[in-house]
């Protein structure tokens, strides 16, 4: 009897993209709507010696003739060849099926970027292939990088994590409130328990040129940024928290935000391609801290790997101490265990919690997920609003290899390949 292992997994309906906290996103092959009982027949394989032919094979042959299927670039190939082979088969199919132009993927193993791959095109109207140097906006994944910059500044200045942020800002003050604004601490901005009203990041609004004006303007029914809940009593994801942290960094350091992050975090980690101001785009720097980073999967992989131990380095890479990194990755009690300091905490079952963050700006979707204790992780960057529909299938294919990582709720229906199947590639 042929036993199939499916590399395309179902993705339960879940709240994924934080730019719209009311949006429920179903991705991948949710409820097996598309692929039915074949459980991702596009990349099922026999656990025995031969690959099982499936009914989609003729379609795959047609895909080979399309630019979107054959444009791919790899480097530093050290994960098992089977995993890379599965990506090479699966990813072009996903791009075609969901009409996503391109994607970059990076794999972290043993606390380092072990492989990166680029597939597809830079946009729907272009014949230019995505390469390892193509920049992707990562939306709210930028917040994790901002959190590192904040922790560096606290270490340099000896400002306390639980210090009221208003004590350190010179350009803006909280509007009058029935709540105590001194309870809005740096920690509570980092973990989204500040009690502030939502500051929208949307194309529906025009934003003024300065950060202080952005924080002071009223935005329709959202009104202006103000304290609306008792700080520390409610976890509510909010871009406004990170705009205030951007101002905090600038007011305390006296250095423009992106320059500070460049010198204190990006350059020390060797993230040479990462920028807040790509040459070919106009950007609103007021949202740099909350969603302004443009980077590559390999560069972002370096940042994720910095939370881990590798052959010669401790977590923090001498930018932050291992103890500080551990604090950032620890679920904060006031968030109900859902968020640390700049990181989402995903609880799959009692023995497994992973760090993650996702991001969504118009035309871009990004996500990373990692297990710092094991030294493994994955980065997926896409250049389409539909990119979220392919992220789960890619992440779950990676999780199949990490047999101790069973992503319940994300990868229900995906059966990991036994470790023995990878032995020949290691």
Protein backbone atom coordinates (compact mmCIF):
# COMPACT_ATOMS: atom_id res chain seq x y z
CA UNK A 1 0.00 0.00 0.00
CA UNK A 2 1.37 3.37 -0.98
CA UNK A 3 1.66 5.79 1.94
CA UNK A 4 1.65 9.43 0.96
CA UNK A 5 3.34 12.29 2.72
CA UNK A 6 1.84 15.61 1.73
CA UNK A 7 3.94 18.71 1.41
CA UNK A 8 0.97 21.01 0.89
CA UNK A 9 -0.91 21.44 4.15
CA UNK A 10 -4.23 22.87 5.15
CA UNK A 11 -4.23 26.21 6.90
CA UNK A 12 -6.94 26.73 9.43
CA UNK A 13 -8.73 30.04 9.26
CA UNK A 14 -6.87 32.31 11.64
CA UNK A 15 -6.06 35.94 12.25
CA UNK A 16 -2.80 36.40 10.39
CA UNK A 17 -2.09 39.87 9.09
CA UNK A 18 -1.91 42.43 11.82
CA UNK A 19 -2.35 45.48 9.62
CA UNK A 20 -6.08 44.79 9.78
CA UNK A 21 -6.87 43.21 13.17
CA UNK A 22 -10.46 42.46 12.13
CA UNK A 23 -9.50 40.43 9.08
CA UNK A 24 -9.69 36.64 9.17
CA UNK A 25 -7.43 35.12 6.55
CA UNK A 26 -7.67 31.56 5.27
CA UNK A 27 -4.70 30.43 3.23
CA UNK A 28 -3.07 27.42 1.67
CA UNK A 29 -5.53 24.59 1.01
CA UNK A 30 -7.92 25.61 3.80
CA UNK A 31 -10.27 22.77 4.70
CA UNK A 32 -8.81 20.94 1.68
CA UNK A 33 -11.27 22.94 -0.47
CA UNK A 34 -8.97 22.91 -3.44
CA UNK A 35 -7.18 19.60 -3.40
CA UNK A 36 -9.69 17.40 -1.61
CA UNK A 37 -8.60 14.01 -0.34
CA UNK A 38 -5.31 14.17 -2.20
CA UNK A 39 -4.01 16.45 0.54
CA UNK A 40 -1.87 18.62 -1.64
CA UNK A 41 -1.47 16.22 -4.53
CA UNK A 42 0.79 18.70 -6.27
CA UNK A 43 3.69 17.54 -4.15
CA UNK A 44 2.73 14.25 -2.51
CA UNK A 45 5.46 11.63 -2.61
CA UNK A 46 5.83 8.00 -1.67
CA UNK A 47 7.71 7.26 1.55
CA UNK A 48 9.18 4.30 -0.30
CA UNK A 49 11.54 4.43 -3.27
CA UNK A 50 9.37 5.93 -5.99
CA UNK A 51 7.62 9.24 -6.35
CA UNK A 52 3.89 8.82 -6.84
CA UNK A 53 2.54 10.32 -10.05
CA UNK A 54 -0.57 12.39 -9.44
CA UNK A 55 -3.26 13.79 -11.70
CA UNK A 56 -1.70 17.27 -11.69
CA UNK A 57 1.44 16.06 -13.48
CA UNK A 58 0.36 17.29 -16.96
CA UNK A 59 -0.25 20.73 -15.52
CA UNK A 60 3.22 20.74 -14.01
CA UNK A 61 4.73 20.05 -17.42
CA UNK A 62 2.91 23.11 -18.75
CA UNK A 63 4.24 25.19 -15.87
CA UNK A 64 7.81 24.45 -16.92
CA UNK A 65 7.23 26.50 -20.06
CA UNK A 66 6.24 29.58 -18.07
CA UNK A 67 8.80 32.13 -16.80
CA UNK A 68 7.20 32.13 -13.37
CA UNK A 69 8.04 28.45 -12.93
CA UNK A 70 11.62 28.37 -14.08
CA UNK A 71 13.12 31.53 -12.60
CA UNK A 72 14.79 30.58 -9.37
CA UNK A 73 18.11 31.24 -7.70
CA UNK A 74 19.80 29.42 -4.82
CA UNK A 75 22.92 29.84 -2.76
CA UNK A 76 24.58 28.35 0.30
CA UNK A 77 22.75 25.09 -0.25
CA UNK A 78 23.25 23.01 2.87
CA UNK A 79 19.81 21.88 4.07
CA UNK A 80 18.80 18.39 2.89
CA UNK A 81 18.42 18.27 -0.86
CA UNK A 82 14.94 16.79 -0.50
CA UNK A 83 13.63 19.96 1.16
CA UNK A 84 15.07 22.17 -1.59
CA UNK A 85 13.71 19.81 -4.23
CA UNK A 86 10.26 20.06 -2.70
CA UNK A 87 10.45 23.87 -2.74
CA UNK A 88 11.58 23.79 -6.37
CA UNK A 89 8.48 21.77 -7.24
CA UNK A 90 5.96 23.33 -4.90
CA UNK A 91 6.71 27.06 -4.97
CA UNK A 92 6.27 27.68 -8.73
CA UNK A 93 2.92 25.88 -8.50
CA UNK A 94 1.81 28.07 -5.62
CA UNK A 95 2.85 31.25 -7.41
CA UNK A 96 0.87 30.23 -10.47
CA UNK A 97 -2.18 29.03 -8.55
CA UNK A 98 -2.54 32.14 -6.39
CA UNK A 99 -1.30 34.64 -8.99
CA UNK A 100 1.59 35.79 -6.80
CA UNK A 101 4.50 37.21 -8.84
CA UNK A 102 7.43 36.22 -6.65
CA UNK A 103 8.76 35.00 -3.33
CA UNK A 104 12.00 34.74 -1.41
CA UNK A 105 12.64 32.05 1.21
CA UNK A 106 15.46 31.65 3.72
CA UNK A 107 16.10 28.65 5.94
CA UNK A 108 17.88 29.04 9.28
CA UNK A 109 19.63 25.96 10.64
CA UNK A 110 22.12 25.61 13.49
CA UNK A 111 21.70 29.31 14.22
CA UNK A 112 22.76 30.55 10.78
CA UNK A 113 21.26 31.19 7.35
CA UNK A 114 21.82 27.84 5.68
CA UNK A 115 20.02 28.45 2.38
CA UNK A 116 18.02 31.05 0.51
CA UNK A 117 15.94 30.71 -2.63
CA UNK A 118 14.25 33.16 -4.97
CA UNK A 119 11.33 32.27 -7.25
CA UNK A 120 9.16 34.08 -9.76
CA UNK A 121 9.09 37.68 -10.94
CA UNK A 122 9.51 41.10 -9.37
CA UNK A 123 5.94 42.09 -10.33
CA UNK A 124 3.08 40.94 -12.52
CA UNK A 125 3.96 43.20 -15.43
CA UNK A 126 7.69 42.47 -15.40
CA UNK A 127 9.86 39.79 -16.95
CA UNK A 128 12.56 40.46 -14.35
CA UNK A 129 13.29 37.53 -12.10
CA UNK A 130 13.38 37.80 -8.33
CA UNK A 131 16.98 37.34 -7.21
CA UNK A 132 18.67 37.14 -3.84
CA UNK A 133 19.22 40.92 -3.96
CA UNK A 134 15.59 41.86 -4.74
CA UNK A 135 14.15 43.95 -1.90
CA UNK A 136 10.80 43.14 -0.27
CA UNK A 137 8.88 45.28 2.19
CA UNK A 138 8.25 43.27 5.36
CA UNK A 139 5.54 45.41 6.93
CA UNK A 140 5.10 44.82 10.65
CA UNK A 141 8.00 42.39 10.83
CA UNK A 142 9.89 45.69 11.07
CA UNK A 143 8.68 45.93 14.68
CA UNK A 144 11.01 43.12 15.76
CA UNK A 145 13.97 45.09 14.41
CA UNK A 146 12.73 48.25 16.11
CA UNK A 147 12.53 46.34 19.40
CA UNK A 148 16.23 45.49 19.14
CA UNK A 149 17.08 49.16 18.60
CA UNK A 150 15.02 50.11 21.66
CA UNK A 151 16.77 47.54 23.84
CA UNK A 152 20.18 48.73 22.61
CA UNK A 153 19.28 52.30 23.55
CA UNK A 154 18.08 51.26 27.00
CA UNK A 155 21.38 49.49 27.57
CA UNK A 156 23.38 52.52 26.41
CA UNK A 157 21.46 55.04 28.50
CA UNK A 158 20.48 52.86 31.47
CA UNK A 159 16.87 53.97 31.02
CA UNK A 160 14.58 51.42 32.66
CA UNK A 161 12.31 49.24 30.54
CA UNK A 162 9.43 50.16 32.83
CA UNK A 163 10.15 53.88 32.68
CA UNK A 164 7.29 56.17 31.54
CA UNK A 165 7.97 56.98 27.92
CA UNK A 166 6.75 60.58 28.35
CA UNK A 167 9.74 61.28 30.59
CA UNK A 168 12.03 60.85 27.59
CA UNK A 169 10.15 62.54 24.72
CA UNK A 170 10.54 66.23 23.94
CA UNK A 171 8.45 66.68 20.77
CA UNK A 172 5.04 65.27 21.75
CA UNK A 173 2.80 64.95 24.76
CA UNK A 174 -0.20 62.72 25.46
CA UNK A 175 -3.59 64.43 25.25
CA UNK A 176 -5.47 64.80 28.52
CA UNK A 177 -6.95 61.50 29.70
CA UNK A 178 -8.83 59.99 32.60
CA UNK A 179 -6.00 57.44 32.79
CA UNK A 180 -2.49 57.94 34.11
CA UNK A 181 -0.20 58.56 31.14
CA UNK A 182 2.83 57.77 33.29
CA UNK A 183 1.75 54.13 33.14
CA UNK A 184 2.51 54.12 29.41
CA UNK A 185 5.95 52.59 29.73
CA UNK A 186 8.52 51.54 27.17
CA UNK A 187 7.70 47.91 27.94
CA UNK A 188 4.00 48.46 27.31
CA UNK A 189 4.69 50.12 23.97
CA UNK A 190 6.87 47.18 22.95
CA UNK A 191 4.26 44.58 23.96
CA UNK A 192 1.11 46.47 22.85
CA UNK A 193 -0.47 46.88 26.28
CA UNK A 194 -0.14 50.69 26.39
CA UNK A 195 -3.88 51.39 26.36
CA UNK A 196 -3.51 53.79 23.41
CA UNK A 197 -6.14 54.18 20.72
CA UNK A 198 -5.47 52.60 17.34
CA UNK A 199 -3.41 54.69 14.93
CA UNK A 200 -4.33 53.36 11.48
CA UNK A 201 -1.78 52.70 8.76
CA UNK A 202 -3.94 52.83 5.67
CA UNK A 203 -3.97 54.19 2.14
CA UNK A 204 -7.38 55.66 3.07
CA UNK A 205 -5.65 58.47 4.95
CA UNK A 206 -3.07 61.07 4.01
CA UNK A 207 -0.31 61.58 6.52
CA UNK A 208 1.57 64.78 7.36
CA UNK A 209 5.30 65.16 6.79
CA UNK A 210 6.50 65.05 10.39
CA UNK A 211 6.24 62.38 13.04
CA UNK A 212 4.81 64.70 15.67
CA UNK A 213 2.09 65.87 13.26
CA UNK A 214 1.29 62.25 12.40
CA UNK A 215 0.84 61.47 16.09
CA UNK A 216 -1.34 64.56 16.63
CA UNK A 217 -3.69 64.41 13.65
CA UNK A 218 -7.21 62.97 13.83
CA UNK A 219 -8.01 60.03 11.52
CA UNK A 220 -11.75 59.72 10.91
CA UNK A 221 -13.53 57.51 13.43
CA UNK A 222 -10.14 56.58 14.92
CA UNK A 223 -9.71 60.21 15.97
CA UNK A 224 -6.25 61.13 17.30
CA UNK A 225 -3.82 58.96 19.24
CA UNK A 226 -4.79 59.09 22.90
CA UNK A 227 -5.04 56.95 26.01
CA UNK A 228 -8.36 55.06 26.02
CA UNK A 229 -7.69 52.11 28.36
CA UNK A 230 -5.89 51.63 31.64
CA UNK A 231 -2.30 50.77 30.60
CA UNK A 232 -1.39 47.14 31.24
CA UNK A 233 -4.96 45.83 31.24
CA UNK A 234 -5.52 45.08 27.54
CA UNK A 235 -3.36 43.59 24.77
CA UNK A 236 -4.25 45.45 21.57
CA UNK A 237 -1.92 45.41 18.59
CA UNK A 238 -1.29 48.99 17.50
CA UNK A 239 1.08 50.69 15.06
CA UNK A 240 0.88 53.82 17.22
CA UNK A 241 2.95 52.12 19.92
CA UNK A 242 5.89 51.82 17.56
CA UNK A 243 5.57 55.35 16.20
CA UNK A 244 6.06 56.51 19.77
CA UNK A 245 9.08 54.21 20.10
CA UNK A 246 10.50 55.74 16.93
CA UNK A 247 10.17 59.19 18.49
CA UNK A 248 11.63 57.87 21.77
CA UNK A 249 14.75 56.64 19.97
CA UNK A 250 15.21 59.92 18.11
CA UNK A 251 14.59 62.17 21.12
CA UNK A 252 16.89 60.23 23.44
CA UNK A 253 19.70 59.46 21.00
CA UNK A 254 19.57 62.68 18.99
CA UNK A 255 19.94 60.54 15.85
CA UNK A 256 17.41 60.05 13.04
CA UNK A 257 15.65 56.71 13.54
CA UNK A 258 16.81 54.80 10.46
CA UNK A 259 20.41 55.95 10.96
CA UNK A 260 20.34 54.75 14.56
CA UNK A 261 18.98 51.33 13.57
CA UNK A 262 21.53 51.08 10.76
CA UNK A 263 24.49 51.74 13.04
CA UNK A 264 23.30 49.78 16.08
CA UNK A 265 21.54 46.75 14.59
CA UNK A 266 21.69 46.32 10.81
CA UNK A 267 25.40 46.93 10.20
CA UNK A 268 26.61 44.86 13.18
CA UNK A 269 24.49 41.93 11.96
CA UNK A 270 25.80 42.23 8.39
CA UNK A 271 22.36 43.13 7.00
CA UNK A 272 23.92 45.13 4.18
CA UNK A 273 20.96 44.99 1.80
CA UNK A 274 18.39 46.13 4.35
CA UNK A 275 17.11 49.71 4.12
CA UNK A 276 14.26 52.02 5.07
CA UNK A 277 14.61 54.06 1.89
CA UNK A 278 15.06 52.00 -1.29
CA UNK A 279 16.29 54.06 -4.21
CA UNK A 280 13.32 53.21 -6.46
CA UNK A 281 10.51 54.08 -4.01
CA UNK A 282 9.06 57.00 -2.12
CA UNK A 283 8.33 56.04 1.47
CA UNK A 284 6.73 57.65 4.51
CA UNK A 285 9.49 57.56 7.11
CA UNK A 286 7.01 58.30 9.90
CA UNK A 287 6.03 54.63 9.78
CA UNK A 288 9.59 53.31 9.57
CA UNK A 289 9.54 51.69 13.01
CA UNK A 290 6.17 50.02 12.57
CA UNK A 291 6.43 48.78 9.00
CA UNK A 292 9.09 50.48 6.90
CA UNK A 293 11.87 47.92 6.41
CA UNK A 294 12.82 46.73 2.91
CA UNK A 295 15.07 43.69 2.97
CA UNK A 296 15.86 40.27 1.53
CA UNK A 297 15.03 36.88 2.97
CA UNK A 298 18.71 36.15 3.56
CA UNK A 299 19.24 39.46 5.40
CA UNK A 300 16.15 38.96 7.54
CA UNK A 301 17.34 35.43 8.19
CA UNK A 302 20.51 36.87 9.74
CA UNK A 303 18.36 38.90 12.09
CA UNK A 304 16.27 35.86 13.09
CA UNK A 305 19.41 33.77 13.55
CA UNK A 306 20.76 36.39 15.96
CA UNK A 307 18.26 35.14 18.54
CA UNK A 308 20.04 31.77 18.48
CA UNK A 309 23.34 30.16 19.36
CA UNK A 310 25.54 29.17 16.43
CA UNK A 311 28.96 27.54 16.25
CA UNK A 312 30.76 30.60 17.61
CA UNK A 313 28.18 33.14 18.82
CA UNK A 314 25.66 33.54 21.59
CA UNK A 315 22.16 35.00 21.14
CA UNK A 316 22.38 38.75 20.71
CA UNK A 317 25.62 38.60 18.69
CA UNK A 318 27.28 41.05 21.13
CA UNK A 319 24.68 43.68 20.24
CA UNK A 320 22.38 42.57 23.03
CA UNK A 321 23.16 40.17 25.84
CA UNK A 322 21.75 36.63 25.72
CA UNK A 323 19.73 37.54 28.82
CA UNK A 324 18.15 40.51 27.04
CA UNK A 325 17.27 38.39 24.01
CA UNK A 326 15.71 35.78 26.28
CA UNK A 327 13.62 38.51 27.92
CA UNK A 328 12.41 39.73 24.53
CA UNK A 329 11.34 36.23 23.48
CA UNK A 330 9.54 35.47 26.73
CA UNK A 331 5.75 35.88 26.65
CA UNK A 332 4.68 38.97 28.54
CA UNK A 333 2.07 38.29 31.23
CA UNK A 334 0.01 41.37 30.38
CA UNK A 335 -0.42 40.08 26.80
CA UNK A 336 -1.86 36.75 27.90
CA UNK A 337 1.29 35.09 26.62
CA UNK A 338 0.72 36.17 23.00
CA UNK A 339 3.53 38.70 22.62
CA UNK A 340 7.00 39.31 23.95
CA UNK A 341 9.00 42.48 23.34
CA UNK A 342 8.67 42.90 19.59
CA UNK A 343 7.88 39.23 18.88
CA UNK A 344 4.67 37.27 18.53
CA UNK A 345 4.62 34.04 20.53
CA UNK A 346 2.84 31.13 18.83
CA UNK A 347 1.67 28.35 21.15
CA UNK A 348 0.97 25.14 19.23
CA UNK A 349 0.82 22.78 22.20
CA UNK A 350 2.21 22.58 25.71
CA UNK A 351 5.73 21.62 24.70
CA UNK A 352 6.07 23.94 21.70
CA UNK A 353 6.05 27.72 21.52
CA UNK A 354 7.71 29.48 18.60
CA UNK A 355 8.58 33.09 17.91
CA UNK A 356 7.15 34.77 14.86
CA UNK A 357 5.99 37.96 13.25
CA UNK A 358 4.06 38.70 10.10
CA UNK A 359 3.64 41.84 8.07
CA UNK A 360 1.26 43.21 5.47
CA UNK A 361 1.57 46.44 3.54
CA UNK A 362 -0.21 47.00 0.21
CA UNK A 363 1.44 44.71 -2.32
CA UNK A 364 3.55 42.86 0.25
CA UNK A 365 3.17 39.95 2.69
CA UNK A 366 5.93 38.60 4.93
CA UNK A 367 6.37 36.16 7.78
CA UNK A 368 9.04 34.43 9.81
CA UNK A 369 8.69 31.61 12.31
CA UNK A 370 11.52 30.17 14.38
CA UNK A 371 12.48 27.92 17.26
CA UNK A 372 15.48 29.64 18.86
CA UNK A 373 16.22 26.71 21.17
CA UNK A 374 16.63 24.36 18.21
CA UNK A 375 18.35 27.02 16.12
CA UNK A 376 15.93 26.65 13.21
CA UNK A 377 13.55 28.95 11.37
CA UNK A 378 12.12 30.07 8.07
CA UNK A 379 11.54 33.44 6.38
CA UNK A 380 8.98 33.89 3.58
CA UNK A 381 8.67 37.20 1.71
CA UNK A 382 6.14 37.80 -1.08
CA UNK A 383 5.36 40.69 -3.40
CA UNK A 384 1.58 40.48 -3.57
CA UNK A 385 -1.52 41.07 -1.46
CA UNK A 386 -2.29 37.42 -2.20
CA UNK A 387 1.04 36.31 -0.76
CA UNK A 388 -0.59 35.14 2.45
CA UNK A 389 -2.25 32.34 0.50
CA UNK A 390 1.09 30.65 -0.17
CA UNK A 391 2.91 31.29 3.11
CA UNK A 392 1.38 28.39 5.07
CA UNK A 393 2.14 25.82 2.37
CA UNK A 394 5.79 26.90 2.34
CA UNK A 395 6.11 27.04 6.13
CA UNK A 396 4.48 23.64 6.53
CA UNK A 397 6.76 22.06 3.96
CA UNK A 398 9.68 23.31 6.04
CA UNK A 399 8.03 22.04 9.24
CA UNK A 400 7.75 18.58 7.67
CA UNK A 401 11.53 18.41 7.77
CA UNK A 402 11.69 19.55 11.40
CA UNK A 403 9.93 16.43 12.67
CA UNK A 404 9.79 17.72 16.25
CA UNK A 405 7.85 20.78 15.07
CA UNK A 406 4.20 19.90 14.52
CA UNK A 407 2.33 23.09 13.74
CA UNK A 408 -1.11 22.17 15.01
CA UNK A 409 -3.73 24.55 13.64
CA UNK A 410 -1.40 25.79 10.92
CA UNK A 411 -0.43 22.48 9.35
CA UNK A 412 -3.32 20.17 10.23
CA UNK A 413 -3.31 17.37 7.68
CA UNK A 414 0.39 17.64 6.83
CA UNK A 415 2.30 14.53 7.88
CA UNK A 416 6.03 15.02 8.54
CA UNK A 417 8.50 12.96 6.55
CA UNK A 418 10.37 10.54 8.83
CA UNK A 419 13.90 11.64 9.74
CA UNK A 420 15.30 8.61 7.94
CA UNK A 421 14.13 10.03 4.63
CA UNK A 422 16.59 12.91 5.05
CA UNK A 423 19.58 10.85 6.21
CA UNK A 424 20.99 10.42 2.73
CA UNK A 425 21.14 14.20 2.23
CA UNK A 426 22.87 15.11 5.48
